[in-house]
PDB file of N, CA and C in Angstrom:
ATOM      1  N   MET A   1       0.581  -1.005   0.234  1.00  0.00           N
ATOM      2  CA  MET A   1      -0.206  -0.120   0.158  1.00  0.00           C
ATOM      3  C   MET A   1       1.546   1.351   0.145  1.00  0.00           C
ATOM      4  N   ARG A   2       0.993   2.107  -1.405  1.00  0.00           N
ATOM      5  CA  ARG A   2       2.039   3.606  -1.689  1.00  0.00           C
ATOM      6  C   ARG A   2       1.067   4.494  -1.366  1.00  0.00           C
ATOM      7  N   ASP A   3      -0.598   4.679  -1.034  1.00  0.00           N
ATOM      8  CA  ASP A   3      -0.756   6.137  -0.796  1.00  0.00           C
ATOM      9  C   ASP A   3      -1.454   6.372   0.587  1.00  0.00           C
ATOM     10  N   ASN A   4      -0.070   7.129   1.337  1.00  0.00           N
ATOM     11  CA  ASN A   4       0.320   6.993   2.587  1.00  0.00           C
ATOM     12  C   ASN A   4      -1.110   8.084   3.192  1.00  0.00           C
ATOM     13  N   LYS A   5      -1.559   9.160   2.802  1.00  0.00           N
ATOM     14  CA  LYS A   5      -2.270   9.444   3.002  1.00  0.00           C
ATOM     15  C   LYS A   5      -3.736   9.362   2.995  1.00  0.00           C
ATOM     16  N   ALA A   6      -4.559   8.437   2.908  1.00  0.00           N
ATOM     17  CA  ALA A   6      -5.472   7.474   2.059  1.00  0.00           C
ATOM     18  C   ALA A   6      -4.974   6.813   3.446  1.00  0.00           C
ATOM     19  N   VAL A   7      -3.634   5.898   3.840  1.00  0.00           N
ATOM     20  CA  VAL A   7      -3.323   4.723   5.025  1.00  0.00           C
ATOM     21  C   VAL A   7      -3.735   5.627   6.022  1.00  0.00           C
ATOM     22  N   THR A   8      -3.198   6.861   6.658  1.00  0.00           N
ATOM     23  CA  THR A   8      -3.505   7.857   7.516  1.00  0.00           C
ATOM     24  C   THR A   8      -4.437   8.440   8.006  1.00  0.00           C
ATOM     25  N   ALA A   9      -5.255   8.804   6.725  1.00  0.00           N
ATOM     26  CA  ALA A   9      -6.818   9.680   7.079  1.00  0.00           C
ATOM     27  C   ALA A   9      -7.516   7.845   7.600  1.00  0.00           C
ATOM     28  N   MET A  10      -7.288   6.818   7.624  1.00  0.00           N
ATOM     29  CA  MET A  10      -8.484   5.559   8.077  1.00  0.00           C
ATOM     30  C   MET A  10      -7.529   5.565  10.017  1.00  0.00           C
ATOM     31  N   HIS A  11      -6.305   6.155   9.737  1.00  0.00           N
ATOM     32  CA  HIS A  11      -5.644   5.619  11.065  1.00  0.00           C
ATOM     33  C   HIS A  11      -5.112   7.219  11.425  1.00  0.00           C
ATOM     34  N   GLU A  12      -5.895   7.825  12.758  1.00  0.00           N
ATOM     35  CA  GLU A  12      -5.531   8.857  13.352  1.00  0.00           C
ATOM     36  C   GLU A  12      -4.448   9.129  13.907  1.00  0.00           C
ATOM     37  N   ARG A  13      -4.370   7.850  14.587  1.00  0.00           N
ATOM     38  CA  ARG A  13      -2.772   7.729  15.600  1.00  0.00           C
ATOM     39  C   ARG A  13      -1.587   7.358  14.392  1.00  0.00           C
ATOM     40  N   ILE A  14      -1.729   7.362  13.656  1.00  0.00           N
ATOM     41  CA  ILE A  14      -0.909   6.137  12.446  1.00  0.00           C
ATOM     42  C   ILE A  14      -0.624   6.902  12.168  1.00  0.00           C
ATOM     43  N   THR A  15       1.057   7.511  11.805  1.00  0.00           N
ATOM     44  CA  THR A  15       1.837   8.525  11.344  1.00  0.00           C
ATOM     45  C   THR A  15       2.603   7.843   9.878  1.00  0.00           C
ATOM     46  N   ILE A  16       2.789   8.539   8.806  1.00  0.00           N
ATOM     47  CA  ILE A  16       4.143   7.823   7.941  1.00  0.00           C
ATOM     48  C   ILE A  16       4.263   9.398   7.219  1.00  0.00           C
ATOM     49  N   GLU A  17       5.676   9.351   8.278  1.00  0.00           N
ATOM     50  CA  GLU A  17       6.789  11.042   7.203  1.00  0.00           C
ATOM     51  C   GLU A  17       8.074  10.401   6.811  1.00  0.00           C
ATOM     52  N   ALA A  18       8.300  10.707   5.873  1.00  0.00           N
ATOM     53  CA  ALA A  18       9.855   9.952   4.978  1.00  0.00           C
ATOM     54  C   ALA A  18      10.720   9.969   5.844  1.00  0.00           C
ATOM     55  N   ASP A  19      10.624  11.402   6.393  1.00  0.00           N
ATOM     56  CA  ASP A  19      11.833  11.495   6.930  1.00  0.00           C
ATOM     57  C   ASP A  19      12.298  10.883   8.606  1.00  0.00           C
ATOM     58  N   LYS A  20      11.090   9.961   9.005  1.00  0.00           N
ATOM     59  CA  LYS A  20      10.944   9.655  10.488  1.00  0.00           C
ATOM     60  C   LYS A  20      11.676   8.237   9.981  1.00  0.00           C
ATOM     61  N   ARG A  21      12.273   7.551  10.384  1.00  0.00           N
ATOM     62  CA  ARG A  21      12.139   6.302  11.232  1.00  0.00           C
ATOM     63  C   ARG A  21      11.445   5.575   9.577  1.00  0.00           C
ATOM     64  N   ASP A  22      12.468   6.195   8.406  1.00  0.00           N
ATOM     65  CA  ASP A  22      12.553   5.484   7.110  1.00  0.00           C
ATOM     66  C   ASP A  22      11.247   5.238   6.341  1.00  0.00           C
ATOM     67  N   GLY A  23      10.406   6.625   7.330  1.00  0.00           N
ATOM     68  CA  GLY A  23       8.959   6.140   6.382  1.00  0.00           C
ATOM     69  C   GLY A  23       8.116   4.835   7.026  1.00  0.00           C
ATOM     70  N   LYS A  24       8.679   4.469   7.925  1.00  0.00           N
ATOM     71  CA  LYS A  24       7.378   2.870   8.729  1.00  0.00           C
ATOM     72  C   LYS A  24       6.968   4.271   9.131  1.00  0.00           C
ATOM     73  N   PRO A  25       5.283   3.157   9.593  1.00  0.00           N
ATOM     74  CA  PRO A  25       4.290   4.299  10.292  1.00  0.00           C
ATOM     75  C   PRO A  25       4.566   3.937  11.401  1.00  0.00           C
ATOM     76  N   CYS A  26       4.397   4.887  12.557  1.00  0.00           N
ATOM     77  CA  CYS A  26       4.562   5.500  13.865  1.00  0.00           C
ATOM     78  C   CYS A  26       3.831   5.901  14.268  1.00  0.00           C
ATOM     79  N   ILE A  27       3.750   6.127  16.182  1.00  0.00           N
ATOM     80  CA  ILE A  27       2.238   6.138  16.739  1.00  0.00           C
ATOM     81  C   ILE A  27       2.555   7.805  16.689  1.00  0.00           C
ATOM     82  N   ARG A  28       1.232   8.215  16.242  1.00  0.00           N
ATOM     83  CA  ARG A  28       1.362  10.049  16.306  1.00  0.00           C
ATOM     84  C   ARG A  28       2.370  10.692  16.531  1.00  0.00           C
ATOM     85  N   GLY A  29       3.141  10.826  15.160  1.00  0.00           N
ATOM     86  CA  GLY A  29       4.228  11.421  15.062  1.00  0.00           C
ATOM     87  C   GLY A  29       5.503  10.648  16.101  1.00  0.00           C
ATOM     88  N   MET A  30       6.025  10.195  16.874  1.00  0.00           N
ATOM     89  CA  MET A  30       6.564  10.262  17.719  1.00  0.00           C
ATOM     90  C   MET A  30       7.383   9.018  16.730  1.00  0.00           C
ATOM     91  N   ARG A  31       8.502   8.407  17.465  1.00  0.00           N
ATOM     92  CA  ARG A  31       9.669   7.614  16.684  1.00  0.00           C
ATOM     93  C   ARG A  31       9.286   6.436  17.278  1.00  0.00           C
ATOM     94  N   ILE A  32       8.252   6.183  17.594  1.00  0.00           N
ATOM     95  CA  ILE A  32       8.142   4.452  18.064  1.00  0.00           C
ATOM     96  C   ILE A  32       6.856   4.280  17.101  1.00  0.00           C
ATOM     97  N   THR A  33       7.001   3.631  15.834  1.00  0.00           N
ATOM     98  CA  THR A  33       6.795   2.321  15.552  1.00  0.00           C
ATOM     99  C   THR A  33       5.648   1.279  15.702  1.00  0.00           C
ATOM    100  N   VAL A  34       5.120   0.675  14.707  1.00  0.00           N
ATOM    101  CA  VAL A  34       3.357   0.582  15.025  1.00  0.00           C
ATOM    102  C   VAL A  34       4.320  -1.639  15.189  1.00  0.00           C
ATOM    103  N   ASN A  35       5.662  -1.559  14.195  1.00  0.00           N
ATOM    104  CA  ASN A  35       6.218  -2.821  14.665  1.00  0.00           C
ATOM    105  C   ASN A  35       6.881  -2.889  16.096  1.00  0.00           C
ATOM    106  N   ASP A  36       7.704  -1.703  16.431  1.00  0.00           N
ATOM    107  CA  ASP A  36       7.752  -1.689  17.744  1.00  0.00           C
ATOM    108  C   ASP A  36       6.787  -2.174  19.141  1.00  0.00           C
ATOM    109  N   VAL A  37       5.957  -1.609  18.724  1.00  0.00           N
ATOM    110  CA  VAL A  37       5.248  -1.812  19.803  1.00  0.00           C
ATOM    111  C   VAL A  37       4.177  -3.768  19.806  1.00  0.00           C
ATOM    112  N   LEU A  38       3.965  -4.360  18.415  1.00  0.00           N
ATOM    113  CA  LEU A  38       4.042  -5.292  18.085  1.00  0.00           C
ATOM    114  C   LEU A  38       4.923  -5.746  18.428  1.00  0.00           C
ATOM    115  N   GLY A  39       6.019  -5.913  18.503  1.00  0.00           N
ATOM    116  CA  GLY A  39       7.777  -6.332  18.643  1.00  0.00           C
ATOM    117  C   GLY A  39       7.797  -6.267  20.073  1.00  0.00           C
ATOM    118  N   TRP A  40       7.025  -5.419  20.759  1.00  0.00           N
ATOM    119  CA  TRP A  40       7.464  -5.340  22.483  1.00  0.00           C
ATOM    120  C   TRP A  40       6.382  -6.395  23.088  1.00  0.00           C
ATOM    121  N   LEU A  41       5.372  -6.068  22.568  1.00  0.00           N
ATOM    122  CA  LEU A  41       4.006  -7.382  22.981  1.00  0.00           C
ATOM    123  C   LEU A  41       4.181  -8.405  22.356  1.00  0.00           C
ATOM    124  N   ALA A  42       4.830  -9.084  21.522  1.00  0.00           N
ATOM    125  CA  ALA A  42       5.296  -9.964  20.814  1.00  0.00           C
ATOM    126  C   ALA A  42       6.114 -11.247  21.980  1.00  0.00           C
ATOM    127  N   HIS A  43       7.302  -9.589  22.092  1.00  0.00           N
ATOM    128  CA  HIS A  43       7.896 -10.645  23.362  1.00  0.00           C
ATOM    129  C   HIS A  43       8.111 -10.529  24.790  1.00  0.00           C
ATOM    130  N   GLY A  44       6.049 -10.296  24.713  1.00  0.00           N
ATOM    131  CA  GLY A  44       5.515 -10.517  26.132  1.00  0.00           C
ATOM    132  C   GLY A  44       5.504  -9.411  27.539  1.00  0.00           C
ATOM    133  N   MET A  45       5.988  -8.268  26.293  1.00  0.00           N
ATOM    134  CA  MET A  45       5.501  -7.215  27.568  1.00  0.00           C
ATOM    135  C   MET A  45       4.579  -6.814  27.447  1.00  0.00           C
ATOM    136  N   THR A  46       3.688  -6.082  28.585  1.00  0.00           N
ATOM    137  CA  THR A  46       2.024  -6.505  28.271  1.00  0.00           C
ATOM    138  C   THR A  46       2.021  -4.696  28.136  1.00  0.00           C
ATOM    139  N   GLU A  47       0.676  -4.752  27.838  1.00  0.00           N
ATOM    140  CA  GLU A  47       0.507  -2.740  27.509  1.00  0.00           C
ATOM    141  C   GLU A  47       0.209  -1.718  28.941  1.00  0.00           C
ATOM    142  N   GLN A  48       0.663  -2.951  30.042  1.00  0.00           N
ATOM    143  CA  GLN A  48       0.684  -1.577  30.801  1.00  0.00           C
ATOM    144  C   GLN A  48       2.147  -1.381  31.330  1.00  0.00           C
ATOM    145  N   GLU A  49       2.997  -2.414  30.535  1.00  0.00           N
ATOM    146  CA  GLU A  49       4.805  -2.778  30.876  1.00  0.00           C
ATOM    147  C   GLU A  49       4.926  -1.617  29.841  1.00  0.00           C
ATOM    148  N   ILE A  50       4.569  -1.351  28.764  1.00  0.00           N
ATOM    149  CA  ILE A  50       4.776  -0.404  27.082  1.00  0.00           C
ATOM    150  C   ILE A  50       4.443   1.017  27.586  1.00  0.00           C
ATOM    151  N   LEU A  51       3.037   0.895  28.886  1.00  0.00           N
ATOM    152  CA  LEU A  51       2.985   2.111  29.344  1.00  0.00           C
ATOM    153  C   LEU A  51       3.317   3.019  30.482  1.00  0.00           C
ATOM    154  N   GLU A  52       4.473   2.076  31.437  1.00  0.00           N
ATOM    155  CA  GLU A  52       5.362   2.189  31.885  1.00  0.00           C
ATOM    156  C   GLU A  52       6.402   2.953  31.798  1.00  0.00           C
ATOM    157  N   GLU A  53       7.017   2.511  30.641  1.00  0.00           N
ATOM    158  CA  GLU A  53       8.467   2.268  30.035  1.00  0.00           C
ATOM    159  C   GLU A  53       8.205   3.752  28.535  1.00  0.00           C
ATOM    160  N   HIS A  54       7.479   3.648  28.029  1.00  0.00           N
ATOM    161  CA  HIS A  54       7.085   4.787  27.004  1.00  0.00           C
ATOM    162  C   HIS A  54       5.668   5.177  27.387  1.00  0.00           C
ATOM    163  N   PRO A  55       6.331   6.630  27.799  1.00  0.00           N
ATOM    164  CA  PRO A  55       5.216   7.506  28.531  1.00  0.00           C
ATOM    165  C   PRO A  55       4.747   8.456  27.746  1.00  0.00           C
ATOM    166  N   GLY A  56       5.063   8.589  26.464  1.00  0.00           N
ATOM    167  CA  GLY A  56       4.270   9.253  25.503  1.00  0.00           C
ATOM    168  C   GLY A  56       3.480   8.619  24.977  1.00  0.00           C
ATOM    169  N   ILE A  57       3.061   6.494  24.953  1.00  0.00           N
ATOM    170  CA  ILE A  57       2.386   6.180  24.375  1.00  0.00           C
ATOM    171  C   ILE A  57       0.933   6.532  25.207  1.00  0.00           C
ATOM    172  N   GLU A  58       0.026   5.956  24.611  1.00  0.00           N
ATOM    173  CA  GLU A  58      -0.936   6.771  25.209  1.00  0.00           C
ATOM    174  C   GLU A  58      -2.099   4.712  25.199  1.00  0.00           C
ATOM    175  N   LYS A  59      -2.655   4.537  26.322  1.00  0.00           N
ATOM    176  CA  LYS A  59      -3.709   3.323  26.277  1.00  0.00           C
ATOM    177  C   LYS A  59      -4.607   3.002  24.283  1.00  0.00           C
ATOM    178  N   ASP A  60      -5.126   4.468  24.185  1.00  0.00           N
ATOM    179  CA  ASP A  60      -6.215   4.755  22.788  1.00  0.00           C
ATOM    180  C   ASP A  60      -4.523   3.624  21.633  1.00  0.00           C
ATOM    181  N   ASP A  61      -3.945   4.596  21.526  1.00  0.00           N
ATOM    182  CA  ASP A  61      -2.368   3.975  20.483  1.00  0.00           C
ATOM    183  C   ASP A  61      -2.348   2.791  20.201  1.00  0.00           C
ATOM    184  N   PHE A  62      -2.924   1.362  21.444  1.00  0.00           N
ATOM    185  CA  PHE A  62      -2.623  -0.017  21.343  1.00  0.00           C
ATOM    186  C   PHE A  62      -4.198  -0.398  20.218  1.00  0.00           C
ATOM    187  N   ALA A  63      -5.114   0.448  21.113  1.00  0.00           N
ATOM    188  CA  ALA A  63      -6.205   0.445  19.486  1.00  0.00           C
ATOM    189  C   ALA A  63      -6.110   0.634  18.411  1.00  0.00           C
ATOM    190  N   ALA A  64      -4.831   1.813  17.628  1.00  0.00           N
ATOM    191  CA  ALA A  64      -4.816   2.027  16.725  1.00  0.00           C
ATOM    192  C   ALA A  64      -3.919   1.323  15.751  1.00  0.00           C
ATOM    193  N   VAL A  65      -3.146   0.683  16.754  1.00  0.00           N
ATOM    194  CA  VAL A  65      -1.984  -0.007  16.169  1.00  0.00           C
ATOM    195  C   VAL A  65      -2.805  -1.623  15.704  1.00  0.00           C
ATOM    196  N   TYR A  66      -3.635  -2.161  16.969  1.00  0.00           N
ATOM    197  CA  TYR A  66      -4.197  -3.288  16.009  1.00  0.00           C
ATOM    198  C   TYR A  66      -5.050  -3.459  15.142  1.00  0.00           C
ATOM    199  N   ALA A  67      -5.779  -2.549  14.850  1.00  0.00           N
ATOM    200  CA  ALA A  67      -6.554  -2.616  14.139  1.00  0.00           C
ATOM    201  C   ALA A  67      -5.801  -1.416  12.453  1.00  0.00           C
ATOM    202  N   PHE A  68      -4.522  -1.111  12.647  1.00  0.00           N
ATOM    203  CA  PHE A  68      -3.639  -0.681  10.820  1.00  0.00           C
ATOM    204  C   PHE A  68      -2.782  -1.719  11.496  1.00  0.00           C
ATOM    205  N   ALA A  69      -2.772  -2.803  12.020  1.00  0.00           N
ATOM    206  CA  ALA A  69      -1.943  -3.423  11.555  1.00  0.00           C
ATOM    207  C   ALA A  69      -2.393  -5.302  11.072  1.00  0.00           C
ATOM    208  N   ALA A  70      -4.101  -4.968  11.892  1.00  0.00           N
ATOM    209  CA  ALA A  70      -5.139  -6.442  11.381  1.00  0.00           C
ATOM    210  C   ALA A  70      -5.918  -5.380   9.587  1.00  0.00           C
ATOM    211  N   ASP A  71      -5.719  -4.503   8.615  1.00  0.00           N
ATOM    212  CA  ASP A  71      -6.640  -3.406   7.755  1.00  0.00           C
ATOM    213  C   ASP A  71      -4.493  -3.812   6.621  1.00  0.00           C
ATOM    214  N   MET A  72      -3.637  -3.783   7.793  1.00  0.00           N
ATOM    215  CA  MET A  72      -2.426  -4.047   6.748  1.00  0.00           C
ATOM    216  C   MET A  72      -2.351  -5.337   6.292  1.00  0.00           C
ATOM    217  N   THR A  73      -2.524  -6.590   7.517  1.00  0.00           N
ATOM    218  CA  THR A  73      -1.948  -7.570   6.369  1.00  0.00           C
ATOM    219  C   THR A  73      -3.170  -7.975   6.070  1.00  0.00           C
ATOM    220  N   ASP A  74      -4.577  -7.759   5.792  1.00  0.00           N
ATOM    221  CA  ASP A  74      -6.012  -7.810   5.327  1.00  0.00           C
ATOM    222  C   ASP A  74      -5.404  -7.297   3.826  1.00  0.00           C
ATOM    223  N   ALA A  75      -4.861  -6.397   3.130  1.00  0.00           N
ATOM    224  CA  ALA A  75      -4.222  -5.733   1.928  1.00  0.00           C
ATOM    225  C   ALA A  75      -3.391  -6.258   1.722  1.00  0.00           C
ATOM    226  N   ALA A  76      -2.888  -6.809   2.278  1.00  0.00           N
ATOM    227  CA  ALA A  76      -1.341  -7.864   1.430  1.00  0.00           C
ATOM    228  C   ALA A  76      -1.508  -8.597   1.317  1.00  0.00           C
ATOM    229  N   TYR A  77      -3.090  -9.697   2.165  1.00  0.00           N
ATOM    230  CA  TYR A  77      -3.178 -10.754   1.825  1.00  0.00           C
ATOM    231  C   TYR A  77      -4.919 -11.027   0.942  1.00  0.00           C
ATOM    232  N   SER A  78      -5.958 -10.470   0.608  1.00  0.00           N
ATOM    233  CA  SER A  78      -6.463 -10.241   0.155  1.00  0.00           C
ATOM    234  C   SER A  78      -6.218 -10.017  -1.305  1.00  0.00           C
ATOM    235  N   ARG A  79      -5.675  -9.432  -1.959  1.00  0.00           N
ATOM    236  CA  ARG A  79      -5.382  -9.833  -3.217  1.00  0.00           C
ATOM    237  C   ARG A  79      -4.870 -10.948  -4.135  1.00  0.00           C
ATOM    238  N   ARG A  80      -4.618 -12.466  -2.828  1.00  0.00           N
ATOM    239  CA  ARG A  80      -4.021 -13.543  -3.566  1.00  0.00           C
ATOM    240  C   ARG A  80      -4.902 -14.139  -4.267  1.00  0.00           C
TER     241      ARG A  80
END
């Protein structure tokens, strides 16, 4: 999916900026990527632990990460 404006319009908490983290999807303009959060969760961190270690992240950001990941997965595999 290359239309970053369409992607971020659907996911207001997810930003994509070419000069930040190599254009990877980030949370609200921070340098924390969707993949960072998913990786922390996959390695056993809880949402609460992430919130405590990264005070810029808000509880509502997790829902945005999950929705963004689900939409990207659906887009990647729905064309096969």
